[in-house]
PDB file of N, CA and C in Angstrom:
ATOM      1  N   UNK A   1       0.839  -1.158   0.000  1.00  0.00           N
ATOM      2  CA  UNK A   1       0.000   0.000   0.000  1.00  0.00           C
ATOM      3  C   UNK A   1       0.893   1.233   0.000  1.00  0.00           C
ATOM      4  N   UNK A   2       0.492   2.153  -0.790  1.00  0.00           N
ATOM      5  CA  UNK A   2       1.321   3.351  -0.914  1.00  0.00           C
ATOM      6  C   UNK A   2       0.981   4.332   0.204  1.00  0.00           C
ATOM      7  N   UNK A   3       1.883   5.238   0.315  1.00  0.00           N
ATOM      8  CA  UNK A   3       1.733   6.250   1.354  1.00  0.00           C
ATOM      9  C   UNK A   3       0.465   7.064   1.124  1.00  0.00           C
ATOM     10  N   UNK A   4       0.108   7.354  -0.080  1.00  0.00           N
ATOM     11  CA  UNK A   4      -1.076   8.132  -0.411  1.00  0.00           C
ATOM     12  C   UNK A   4      -2.335   7.356  -0.026  1.00  0.00           C
ATOM     13  N   UNK A   5      -2.325   6.089  -0.278  1.00  0.00           N
ATOM     14  CA  UNK A   5      -3.485   5.264   0.082  1.00  0.00           C
ATOM     15  C   UNK A   5      -3.661   5.215   1.603  1.00  0.00           C
ATOM     16  N   UNK A   6      -2.543   5.086   2.300  1.00  0.00           N
ATOM     17  CA  UNK A   6      -2.597   5.031   3.768  1.00  0.00           C
ATOM     18  C   UNK A   6      -3.126   6.353   4.319  1.00  0.00           C
ATOM     19  N   UNK A   7      -2.644   7.459   3.779  1.00  0.00           N
ATOM     20  CA  UNK A   7      -3.106   8.773   4.235  1.00  0.00           C
ATOM     21  C   UNK A   7      -4.590   8.966   3.901  1.00  0.00           C
ATOM     22  N   UNK A   8      -5.018   8.466   2.754  1.00  0.00           N
ATOM     23  CA  UNK A   8      -6.429   8.573   2.367  1.00  0.00           C
ATOM     24  C   UNK A   8      -7.298   7.780   3.334  1.00  0.00           C
ATOM     25  N   UNK A   9      -6.829   6.574   3.689  1.00  0.00           N
ATOM     26  CA  UNK A   9      -7.582   5.758   4.634  1.00  0.00           C
ATOM     27  C   UNK A   9      -7.626   6.411   6.017  1.00  0.00           C
ATOM     28  N   UNK A  10      -6.507   6.996   6.406  1.00  0.00           N
ATOM     29  CA  UNK A  10      -6.464   7.691   7.700  1.00  0.00           C
ATOM     30  C   UNK A  10      -7.429   8.875   7.677  1.00  0.00           C
ATOM     31  N   UNK A  11      -7.404   9.621   6.575  1.00  0.00           N
ATOM     32  CA  UNK A  11      -8.288  10.781   6.463  1.00  0.00           C
ATOM     33  C   UNK A  11      -9.744  10.328   6.472  1.00  0.00           C
ATOM     34  N   UNK A  12     -10.034   9.252   5.763  1.00  0.00           N
ATOM     35  CA  UNK A  12     -11.390   8.716   5.718  1.00  0.00           C
ATOM     36  C   UNK A  12     -11.811   8.230   7.104  1.00  0.00           C
ATOM     37  N   UNK A  13     -10.929   7.587   7.828  1.00  0.00           N
ATOM     38  CA  UNK A  13     -11.212   7.118   9.180  1.00  0.00           C
ATOM     39  C   UNK A  13     -11.449   8.297  10.124  1.00  0.00           C
ATOM     40  N   UNK A  14     -10.664   9.355   9.972  1.00  0.00           N
ATOM     41  CA  UNK A  14     -10.848  10.563  10.790  1.00  0.00           C
ATOM     42  C   UNK A  14     -12.205  11.191  10.496  1.00  0.00           C
ATOM     43  N   UNK A  15     -12.606  11.225   9.237  1.00  0.00           N
ATOM     44  CA  UNK A  15     -13.909  11.789   8.883  1.00  0.00           C
ATOM     45  C   UNK A  15     -15.038  10.954   9.489  1.00  0.00           C
ATOM     46  N   UNK A  16     -14.886   9.615   9.419  1.00  0.00           N
ATOM     47  CA  UNK A  16     -15.897   8.741  10.025  1.00  0.00           C
ATOM     48  C   UNK A  16     -15.940   8.946  11.532  1.00  0.00           C
ATOM     49  N   UNK A  17     -14.793   9.100  12.138  1.00  0.00           N
ATOM     50  CA  UNK A  17     -14.725   9.324  13.582  1.00  0.00           C
ATOM     51  C   UNK A  17     -15.360  10.666  13.935  1.00  0.00           C
ATOM     52  N   UNK A  18     -15.046  11.700  13.159  1.00  0.00           N
ATOM     53  CA  UNK A  18     -15.651  13.017  13.396  1.00  0.00           C
ATOM     54  C   UNK A  18     -17.171  12.942  13.239  1.00  0.00           C
ATOM     55  N   UNK A  19     -17.614  12.218  12.218  1.00  0.00           N
ATOM     56  CA  UNK A  19     -19.055  12.066  11.992  1.00  0.00           C
ATOM     57  C   UNK A  19     -19.694  11.307  13.153  1.00  0.00           C
ATOM     58  N   UNK A  20     -19.016  10.269  13.619  1.00  0.00           N
ATOM     59  CA  UNK A  20     -19.534   9.496  14.746  1.00  0.00           C
ATOM     60  C   UNK A  20     -19.610  10.361  16.004  1.00  0.00           C
ATOM     61  N   UNK A  21     -18.590  11.174  16.250  1.00  0.00           N
ATOM     62  CA  UNK A  21     -18.586  12.079  17.413  1.00  0.00           C
ATOM     63  C   UNK A  21     -19.703  13.099  17.267  1.00  0.00           C
ATOM     64  N   UNK A  22     -19.881  13.631  16.068  1.00  0.00           N
ATOM     65  CA  UNK A  22     -20.937  14.614  15.821  1.00  0.00           C
ATOM     66  C   UNK A  22     -22.306  13.984  16.051  1.00  0.00           C
ATOM     67  N   UNK A  23     -22.491  12.767  15.551  1.00  0.00           N
ATOM     68  CA  UNK A  23     -23.766  12.063  15.756  1.00  0.00           C
ATOM     69  C   UNK A  23     -24.003  11.794  17.237  1.00  0.00           C
ATOM     70  N   UNK A  24     -22.957  11.385  17.929  1.00  0.00           N
ATOM     71  CA  UNK A  24     -23.077  11.100  19.363  1.00  0.00           C
ATOM     72  C   UNK A  24     -23.442  12.363  20.139  1.00  0.00           C
ATOM     73  N   UNK A  25     -22.839  13.495  19.780  1.00  0.00           N
ATOM     74  CA  UNK A  25     -23.161  14.757  20.467  1.00  0.00           C
ATOM     75  C   UNK A  25     -24.595  15.178  20.178  1.00  0.00           C
ATOM     76  N   UNK A  26     -25.031  14.972  18.931  1.00  0.00           N
ATOM     77  CA  UNK A  26     -26.414  15.304  18.589  1.00  0.00           C
ATOM     78  C   UNK A  26     -27.378  14.431  19.383  1.00  0.00           C
ATOM     79  N   UNK A  27     -27.076  13.124  19.450  1.00  0.00           N
ATOM     80  CA  UNK A  27     -27.916  12.217  20.229  1.00  0.00           C
ATOM     81  C   UNK A  27     -27.912  12.596  21.707  1.00  0.00           C
ATOM     82  N   UNK A  28     -26.754  13.008  22.216  1.00  0.00           N
ATOM     83  CA  UNK A  28     -26.640  13.426  23.622  1.00  0.00           C
ATOM     84  C   UNK A  28     -27.516  14.648  23.873  1.00  0.00           C
ATOM     85  N   UNK A  29     -27.429  15.620  22.963  1.00  0.00           N
ATOM     86  CA  UNK A  29     -28.243  16.837  23.125  1.00  0.00           C
ATOM     87  C   UNK A  29     -29.728  16.490  23.086  1.00  0.00           C
ATOM     88  N   UNK A  30     -30.118  15.603  22.165  1.00  0.00           N
ATOM     89  CA  UNK A  30     -31.527  15.206  22.079  1.00  0.00           C
ATOM     90  C   UNK A  30     -31.966  14.477  23.348  1.00  0.00           C
ATOM     91  N   UNK A  31     -31.106  13.595  23.852  1.00  0.00           N
ATOM     92  CA  UNK A  31     -31.437  12.858  25.072  1.00  0.00           C
ATOM     93  C   UNK A  31     -31.585  13.805  26.260  1.00  0.00           C
ATOM     94  N   UNK A  32     -30.687  14.763  26.360  1.00  0.00           N
ATOM     95  CA  UNK A  32     -30.753  15.738  27.456  1.00  0.00           C
ATOM     96  C   UNK A  32     -32.025  16.571  27.334  1.00  0.00           C
ATOM     97  N   UNK A  33     -32.347  16.991  26.103  1.00  0.00           N
ATOM     98  CA  UNK A  33     -33.556  17.793  25.889  1.00  0.00           C
ATOM     99  C   UNK A  33     -34.803  16.986  26.257  1.00  0.00           C
ATOM    100  N   UNK A  34     -34.839  15.720  25.864  1.00  0.00           N
ATOM    101  CA  UNK A  34     -35.984  14.876  26.204  1.00  0.00           C
ATOM    102  C   UNK A  34     -36.075  14.655  27.711  1.00  0.00           C
ATOM    103  N   UNK A  35     -34.933  14.465  28.346  1.00  0.00           N
ATOM    104  CA  UNK A  35     -34.922  14.267  29.803  1.00  0.00           C
ATOM    105  C   UNK A  35     -35.412  15.519  30.517  1.00  0.00           C
ATOM    106  N   UNK A  36     -34.974  16.669  30.045  1.00  0.00           N
ATOM    107  CA  UNK A  36     -35.433  17.930  30.660  1.00  0.00           C
ATOM    108  C   UNK A  36     -36.939  18.092  30.463  1.00  0.00           C
ATOM    109  N   UNK A  37     -37.394  17.799  29.251  1.00  0.00           N
ATOM    110  CA  UNK A  37     -38.819  17.914  28.965  1.00  0.00           C
ATOM    111  C   UNK A  37     -39.622  16.966  29.852  1.00  0.00           C
ATOM    112  N   UNK A  38     -39.138  15.739  29.988  1.00  0.00           N
ATOM    113  CA  UNK A  38     -39.825  14.771  30.846  1.00  0.00           C
ATOM    114  C   UNK A  38     -39.804  15.230  32.300  1.00  0.00           C
ATOM    115  N   UNK A  39     -38.687  15.802  32.736  1.00  0.00           N
ATOM    116  CA  UNK A  39     -38.579  16.278  34.118  1.00  0.00           C
ATOM    117  C   UNK A  39     -39.552  17.432  34.363  1.00  0.00           C
ATOM    118  N   UNK A  40     -39.648  18.330  33.401  1.00  0.00           N
ATOM    119  CA  UNK A  40     -40.573  19.462  33.538  1.00  0.00           C
ATOM    120  C   UNK A  40     -42.010  18.955  33.604  1.00  0.00           C
ATOM    121  N   UNK A  41     -42.352  18.012  32.734  1.00  0.00           N
ATOM    122  CA  UNK A  41     -43.714  17.465  32.745  1.00  0.00           C
ATOM    123  C   UNK A  41     -44.003  16.757  34.061  1.00  0.00           C
ATOM    124  N   UNK A  42     -43.020  16.001  34.541  1.00  0.00           N
ATOM    125  CA  UNK A  42     -43.209  15.289  35.808  1.00  0.00           C
ATOM    126  C   UNK A  42     -43.370  16.275  36.957  1.00  0.00           C
ATOM    127  N   UNK A  43     -42.554  17.316  36.953  1.00  0.00           N
ATOM    128  CA  UNK A  43     -42.642  18.329  38.008  1.00  0.00           C
ATOM    129  C   UNK A  43     -44.000  19.010  37.960  1.00  0.00           C
ATOM    130  N   UNK A  44     -44.456  19.356  36.770  1.00  0.00           N
ATOM    131  CA  UNK A  44     -45.759  20.004  36.646  1.00  0.00           C
ATOM    132  C   UNK A  44     -46.877  19.093  37.126  1.00  0.00           C
ATOM    133  N   UNK A  45     -46.761  17.806  36.799  1.00  0.00           N
ATOM    134  CA  UNK A  45     -47.771  16.856  37.259  1.00  0.00           C
ATOM    135  C   UNK A  45     -47.763  16.748  38.784  1.00  0.00           C
ATOM    136  N   UNK A  46     -46.581  16.711  39.378  1.00  0.00           N
ATOM    137  CA  UNK A  46     -46.473  16.635  40.842  1.00  0.00           C
ATOM    138  C   UNK A  46     -47.021  17.896  41.500  1.00  0.00           C
ATOM    139  N   UNK A  47     -46.693  19.041  40.928  1.00  0.00           N
ATOM    140  CA  UNK A  47     -47.201  20.307  41.474  1.00  0.00           C
ATOM    141  C   UNK A  47     -48.723  20.343  41.384  1.00  0.00           C
ATOM    142  N   UNK A  48     -49.254  19.896  40.241  1.00  0.00           N
ATOM    143  CA  UNK A  48     -50.711  19.868  40.083  1.00  0.00           C
ATOM    144  C   UNK A  48     -51.346  18.920  41.099  1.00  0.00           C
ATOM    145  N   UNK A  49     -50.710  17.769  41.334  1.00  0.00           N
ATOM    146  CA  UNK A  49     -51.237  16.810  42.304  1.00  0.00           C
ATOM    147  C   UNK A  49     -51.190  17.393  43.710  1.00  0.00           C
ATOM    148  N   UNK A  50     -50.082  18.009  44.047  1.00  0.00           N
ATOM    149  CA  UNK A  50     -49.956  18.623  45.380  1.00  0.00           C
ATOM    150  C   UNK A  50     -51.003  19.721  45.560  1.00  0.00           C
ATOM    151  N   UNK A  51     -51.177  20.528  44.521  1.00  0.00           N
ATOM    152  CA  UNK A  51     -52.169  21.610  44.589  1.00  0.00           C
ATOM    153  C   UNK A  51     -53.577  21.027  44.759  1.00  0.00           C
ATOM    154  N   UNK A  52     -53.888  19.983  43.994  1.00  0.00           N
ATOM    155  CA  UNK A  52     -55.208  19.361  44.096  1.00  0.00           C
ATOM    156  C   UNK A  52     -55.415  18.763  45.485  1.00  0.00           C
ATOM    157  N   UNK A  53     -54.393  18.092  46.016  1.00  0.00           N
ATOM    158  CA  UNK A  53     -54.486  17.522  47.362  1.00  0.00           C
ATOM    159  C   UNK A  53     -54.690  18.613  48.401  1.00  0.00           C
ATOM    160  N   UNK A  54     -53.956  19.709  48.251  1.00  0.00           N
ATOM    161  CA  UNK A  54     -54.080  20.816  49.204  1.00  0.00           C
ATOM    162  C   UNK A  54     -55.479  21.435  49.128  1.00  0.00           C
ATOM    163  N   UNK A  55     -55.972  21.620  47.912  1.00  0.00           N
ATOM    164  CA  UNK A  55     -57.308  22.191  47.762  1.00  0.00           C
ATOM    165  C   UNK A  55     -58.371  21.266  48.336  1.00  0.00           C
ATOM    166  N   UNK A  56     -58.190  19.955  48.152  1.00  0.00           N
ATOM    167  CA  UNK A  56     -59.141  18.994  48.716  1.00  0.00           C
ATOM    168  C   UNK A  56     -59.100  19.042  50.249  1.00  0.00           C
ATOM    169  N   UNK A  57     -57.901  19.139  50.802  1.00  0.00           N
ATOM    170  CA  UNK A  57     -57.769  19.215  52.262  1.00  0.00           C
ATOM    171  C   UNK A  57     -58.397  20.502  52.798  1.00  0.00           C
ATOM    172  N   UNK A  58     -58.170  21.595  52.086  1.00  0.00           N
ATOM    173  CA  UNK A  58     -58.758  22.878  52.499  1.00  0.00           C
ATOM    174  C   UNK A  58     -60.278  22.808  52.432  1.00  0.00           C
ATOM    175  N   UNK A  59     -60.797  22.225  51.356  1.00  0.00           N
ATOM    176  CA  UNK A  59     -62.254  22.107  51.212  1.00  0.00           C
ATOM    177  C   UNK A  59     -62.841  21.241  52.320  1.00  0.00           C
ATOM    178  N   UNK A  60     -62.157  20.152  52.652  1.00  0.00           N
ATOM    179  CA  UNK A  60     -62.644  19.286  53.726  1.00  0.00           C
ATOM    180  C   UNK A  60     -62.631  20.023  55.065  1.00  0.00           C
ATOM    181  N   UNK A  61     -61.575  20.773  55.313  1.00  0.00           N
ATOM    182  CA  UNK A  61     -61.482  21.529  56.569  1.00  0.00           C
ATOM    183  C   UNK A  61     -62.544  22.627  56.620  1.00  0.00           C
ATOM    184  N   UNK A  62     -62.786  23.271  55.477  1.00  0.00           N
ATOM    185  CA  UNK A  62     -63.824  24.302  55.441  1.00  0.00           C
ATOM    186  C   UNK A  62     -65.197  23.695  55.715  1.00  0.00           C
ATOM    187  N   UNK A  63     -65.454  22.516  55.145  1.00  0.00           N
ATOM    188  CA  UNK A  63     -66.730  21.845  55.400  1.00  0.00           C
ATOM    189  C   UNK A  63     -66.863  21.509  56.885  1.00  0.00           C
ATOM    190  N   UNK A  64     -65.784  21.028  57.471  1.00  0.00           N
ATOM    191  CA  UNK A  64     -65.793  20.711  58.898  1.00  0.00           C
ATOM    192  C   UNK A  64     -66.053  21.966  59.730  1.00  0.00           C
ATOM    193  N   UNK A  65     -65.391  23.044  59.356  1.00  0.00           N
ATOM    194  CA  UNK A  65     -65.585  24.305  60.086  1.00  0.00           C
ATOM    195  C   UNK A  65     -67.007  24.822  59.927  1.00  0.00           C
ATOM    196  N   UNK A  66     -67.578  24.664  58.733  1.00  0.00           N
ATOM    197  CA  UNK A  66     -68.963  25.097  58.513  1.00  0.00           C
ATOM    198  C   UNK A  66     -69.921  24.292  59.390  1.00  0.00           C
ATOM    199  N   UNK A  67     -69.674  22.985  59.495  1.00  0.00           N
ATOM    200  CA  UNK A  67     -70.514  22.147  60.360  1.00  0.00           C
ATOM    201  C   UNK A  67     -70.386  22.592  61.819  1.00  0.00           C
ATOM    202  N   UNK A  68     -69.153  22.845  62.244  1.00  0.00           N
ATOM    203  CA  UNK A  68     -68.919  23.289  63.612  1.00  0.00           C
ATOM    204  C   UNK A  68     -69.592  24.635  63.861  1.00  0.00           C
ATOM    205  N   UNK A  69     -69.481  25.510  62.884  1.00  0.00           N
ATOM    206  CA  UNK A  69     -70.092  26.841  62.992  1.00  0.00           C
ATOM    207  C   UNK A  69     -71.609  26.714  63.114  1.00  0.00           C
ATOM    208  N   UNK A  70     -72.211  25.864  62.260  1.00  0.00           N
ATOM    209  CA  UNK A  70     -73.657  25.675  62.297  1.00  0.00           C
ATOM    210  C   UNK A  70     -74.084  25.101  63.646  1.00  0.00           C
ATOM    211  N   UNK A  71     -73.307  24.164  64.180  1.00  0.00           N
ATOM    212  CA  UNK A  71     -73.629  23.575  65.480  1.00  0.00           C
ATOM    213  C   UNK A  71     -73.555  24.629  66.582  1.00  0.00           C
ATOM    214  N   UNK A  72     -72.511  25.458  66.554  1.00  0.00           N
ATOM    215  CA  UNK A  72     -72.366  26.509  67.573  1.00  0.00           C
ATOM    216  C   UNK A  72     -73.505  27.530  67.465  1.00  0.00           C
ATOM    217  N   UNK A  73     -73.875  27.882  66.230  1.00  0.00           N
ATOM    218  CA  UNK A  73     -74.977  28.840  66.052  1.00  0.00           C
ATOM    219  C   UNK A  73     -76.274  28.251  66.580  1.00  0.00           C
ATOM    220  N   UNK A  74     -76.533  26.977  66.265  1.00  0.00           N
ATOM    221  CA  UNK A  74     -77.751  26.332  66.758  1.00  0.00           C
ATOM    222  C   UNK A  74     -77.751  26.270  68.278  1.00  0.00           C
ATOM    223  N   UNK A  75     -76.597  25.954  68.861  1.00  0.00           N
ATOM    224  CA  UNK A  75     -76.474  25.915  70.317  1.00  0.00           C
ATOM    225  C   UNK A  75     -76.737  27.294  70.914  1.00  0.00           C
ATOM    226  N   UNK A  76     -76.182  28.310  70.288  1.00  0.00           N
ATOM    227  CA  UNK A  76     -76.386  29.673  70.770  1.00  0.00           C
ATOM    228  C   UNK A  76     -77.837  30.112  70.646  1.00  0.00           C
ATOM    229  N   UNK A  77     -78.474  29.745  69.550  1.00  0.00           N
ATOM    230  CA  UNK A  77     -79.886  30.110  69.365  1.00  0.00           C
ATOM    231  C   UNK A  77     -80.768  29.413  70.399  1.00  0.00           C
ATOM    232  N   UNK A  78     -80.442  28.155  70.687  1.00  0.00           N
ATOM    233  CA  UNK A  78     -81.191  27.420  71.718  1.00  0.00           C
ATOM    234  C   UNK A  78     -81.015  28.091  73.076  1.00  0.00           C
ATOM    235  N   UNK A  79     -79.774  28.436  73.385  1.00  0.00           N
ATOM    236  CA  UNK A  79     -79.495  29.108  74.652  1.00  0.00           C
ATOM    237  C   UNK A  79     -80.196  30.463  74.716  1.00  0.00           C
ATOM    238  N   UNK A  80     -80.163  31.197  73.600  1.00  0.00           N
ATOM    239  CA  UNK A  80     -80.818  32.510  73.571  1.00  0.00           C
ATOM    240  C   UNK A  80     -82.335  32.363  73.760  1.00  0.00           C
ATOM    241  N   UNK A  81     -82.910  31.323  73.162  1.00  0.00           N
ATOM    242  CA  UNK A  81     -84.352  31.095  73.328  1.00  0.00           C
ATOM    243  C   UNK A  81     -84.670  30.782  74.784  1.00  0.00           C
ATOM    244  N   UNK A  82     -83.811  30.004  75.429  1.00  0.00           N
ATOM    245  CA  UNK A  82     -84.013  29.701  76.851  1.00  0.00           C
ATOM    246  C   UNK A  82     -83.921  30.949  77.703  1.00  0.00           C
ATOM    247  N   UNK A  83     -82.932  31.791  77.394  1.00  0.00           N
ATOM    248  CA  UNK A  83     -82.772  33.047  78.140  1.00  0.00           C
ATOM    249  C   UNK A  83     -83.973  33.947  77.911  1.00  0.00           C
ATOM    250  N   UNK A  84     -84.451  33.989  76.677  1.00  0.00           N
ATOM    251  CA  UNK A  84     -85.615  34.832  76.359  1.00  0.00           C
ATOM    252  C   UNK A  84     -86.853  34.334  77.103  1.00  0.00           C
ATOM    253  N   UNK A  85     -87.039  33.030  77.162  1.00  0.00           N
ATOM    254  CA  UNK A  85     -88.181  32.453  77.890  1.00  0.00           C
ATOM    255  C   UNK A  85     -88.081  32.784  79.375  1.00  0.00           C
ATOM    256  N   UNK A  86     -86.874  32.643  79.922  1.00  0.00           N
ATOM    257  CA  UNK A  86     -86.680  32.986  81.340  1.00  0.00           C
ATOM    258  C   UNK A  86     -86.929  34.468  81.566  1.00  0.00           C
ATOM    259  N   UNK A  87     -86.519  35.289  80.618  1.00  0.00           N
ATOM    260  CA  UNK A  87     -86.724  36.733  80.755  1.00  0.00           C
ATOM    261  C   UNK A  87     -88.219  37.064  80.723  1.00  0.00           C
ATOM    262  N   UNK A  88     -88.976  36.375  79.865  1.00  0.00           N
ATOM    263  CA  UNK A  88     -90.431  36.625  79.813  1.00  0.00           C
ATOM    264  C   UNK A  88     -91.066  36.290  81.164  1.00  0.00           C
ATOM    265  N   UNK A  89     -90.647  35.168  81.735  1.00  0.00           N
ATOM    266  CA  UNK A  89     -91.183  34.794  83.053  1.00  0.00           C
ATOM    267  C   UNK A  89     -90.810  35.846  84.091  1.00  0.00           C
ATOM    268  N   UNK A  90     -89.582  36.327  84.055  1.00  0.00           N
ATOM    269  CA  UNK A  90     -89.132  37.336  85.013  1.00  0.00           C
ATOM    270  C   UNK A  90     -89.859  38.661  84.802  1.00  0.00           C
ATOM    271  N   UNK A  91     -90.093  39.010  83.533  1.00  0.00           N
ATOM    272  CA  UNK A  91     -90.804  40.273  83.253  1.00  0.00           C
ATOM    273  C   UNK A  91     -92.200  40.224  83.866  1.00  0.00           C
ATOM    274  N   UNK A  92     -92.875  39.084  83.743  1.00  0.00           N
ATOM    275  CA  UNK A  92     -94.198  38.953  84.361  1.00  0.00           C
ATOM    276  C   UNK A  92     -94.092  39.106  85.877  1.00  0.00           C
ATOM    277  N   UNK A  93     -93.083  38.466  86.455  1.00  0.00           N
ATOM    278  CA  UNK A  93     -92.896  38.582  87.900  1.00  0.00           C
ATOM    279  C   UNK A  93     -92.601  40.029  88.292  1.00  0.00           C
ATOM    280  N   UNK A  94     -91.738  40.698  87.525  1.00  0.00           N
ATOM    281  CA  UNK A  94     -91.386  42.089  87.826  1.00  0.00           C
ATOM    282  C   UNK A  94     -92.610  42.979  87.689  1.00  0.00           C
ATOM    283  N   UNK A  95     -93.399  42.782  86.632  1.00  0.00           N
ATOM    284  CA  UNK A  95     -94.627  43.586  86.462  1.00  0.00           C
ATOM    285  C   UNK A  95     -95.586  43.382  87.632  1.00  0.00           C
ATOM    286  N   UNK A  96     -95.760  42.135  88.006  1.00  0.00           N
ATOM    287  CA  UNK A  96     -96.646  41.856  89.152  1.00  0.00           C
ATOM    288  C   UNK A  96     -96.107  42.506  90.426  1.00  0.00           C
ATOM    289  N   UNK A  97     -94.782  42.390  90.639  1.00  0.00           N
ATOM    290  CA  UNK A  97     -94.175  42.990  91.825  1.00  0.00           C
ATOM    291  C   UNK A  97     -94.357  44.505  91.824  1.00  0.00           C
ATOM    292  N   UNK A  98     -94.051  45.134  90.670  1.00  0.00           N
ATOM    293  CA  UNK A  98     -94.191  46.600  90.591  1.00  0.00           C
ATOM    294  C   UNK A  98     -95.642  47.038  90.777  1.00  0.00           C
ATOM    295  N   UNK A  99     -96.549  46.276  90.202  1.00  0.00           N
ATOM    296  CA  UNK A  99     -97.969  46.610  90.358  1.00  0.00           C
ATOM    297  C   UNK A  99     -98.365  46.502  91.829  1.00  0.00           C
ATOM    298  N   UNK A 100     -97.953  45.442  92.474  1.00  0.00           N
ATOM    299  CA  UNK A 100     -98.273  45.269  93.899  1.00  0.00           C
ATOM    300  C   UNK A 100     -97.650  46.378  94.737  1.00  0.00           C
ATOM    301  N   UNK A 101     -96.406  46.704  94.473  1.00  0.00           N
ATOM    302  CA  UNK A 101     -95.737  47.756  95.239  1.00  0.00           C
ATOM    303  C   UNK A 101     -96.396  49.109  94.990  1.00  0.00           C
ATOM    304  N   UNK A 102     -96.781  49.354  93.729  1.00  0.00           N
ATOM    305  CA  UNK A 102     -97.452  50.620  93.420  1.00  0.00           C
ATOM    306  C   UNK A 102     -98.803  50.691  94.135  1.00  0.00           C
ATOM    307  N   UNK A 103     -99.523  49.583  94.065  1.00  0.00           N
ATOM    308  CA  UNK A 103    -100.824  49.566  94.747  1.00  0.00           C
ATOM    309  C   UNK A 103    -100.653  49.724  96.265  1.00  0.00           C
ATOM    310  N   UNK A 104     -99.626  49.089  96.795  1.00  0.00           N
ATOM    311  CA  UNK A 104     -99.377  49.209  98.238  1.00  0.00           C
ATOM    312  C   UNK A 104     -99.018  50.637  98.604  1.00  0.00           C
ATOM    313  N   UNK A 105     -98.213  51.271  97.726  1.00  0.00           N
ATOM    314  CA  UNK A 105     -97.834  52.655  97.996  1.00  0.00           C
ATOM    315  C   UNK A 105     -99.052  53.574  97.920  1.00  0.00           C
ATOM    316  N   UNK A 106     -99.930  53.295  96.977  1.00  0.00           N
ATOM    317  CA  UNK A 106    -101.144  54.116  96.851  1.00  0.00           C
ATOM    318  C   UNK A 106    -102.054  53.875  98.054  1.00  0.00           C
ATOM    319  N   UNK A 107    -102.204  52.599  98.422  1.00  0.00           N
ATOM    320  CA  UNK A 107    -103.045  52.272  99.584  1.00  0.00           C
ATOM    321  C   UNK A 107    -102.466  52.855 100.861  1.00  0.00           C
ATOM    322  N   UNK A 108    -101.151  52.877 100.975  1.00  0.00           N
ATOM    323  CA  UNK A 108    -100.526  53.391 102.174  1.00  0.00           C
ATOM    324  C   UNK A 108    -100.713  54.908 102.252  1.00  0.00           C
ATOM    325  N   UNK A 109    -100.691  55.559 101.100  1.00  0.00           N
ATOM    326  CA  UNK A 109    -100.805  57.007 101.128  1.00  0.00           C
ATOM    327  C   UNK A 109    -102.262  57.455 101.209  1.00  0.00           C
ATOM    328  N   UNK A 110    -103.198  56.579 100.946  1.00  0.00           N
ATOM    329  CA  UNK A 110    -104.598  57.017 101.009  1.00  0.00           C
ATOM    330  C   UNK A 110    -105.224  56.866 102.346  1.00  0.00           C
TER     331      UNK A 110
END
């Protein structure tokens, strides 16, 4: 084999090697881009899941608080009705007492 043939083969081998390196770098860039894209999608899915879970927990807690609030309001209304009933009874007693005292004062002065 002549020197020219050997140099041609070396040059051809270098070109194939350069092409192989170029192809490998292109594949590497594509793989990295796909991995980043997959990571972004996965992160977005996780964030969406966390947000949905948090919103569900908040909604459940709000429902619980609404039930507690309704129970406290009902309890307060019941208590207020009892106080109002007791007050009506006391008002009758006070009216009777004042009427008796007024009549006694009038009778005493007459």
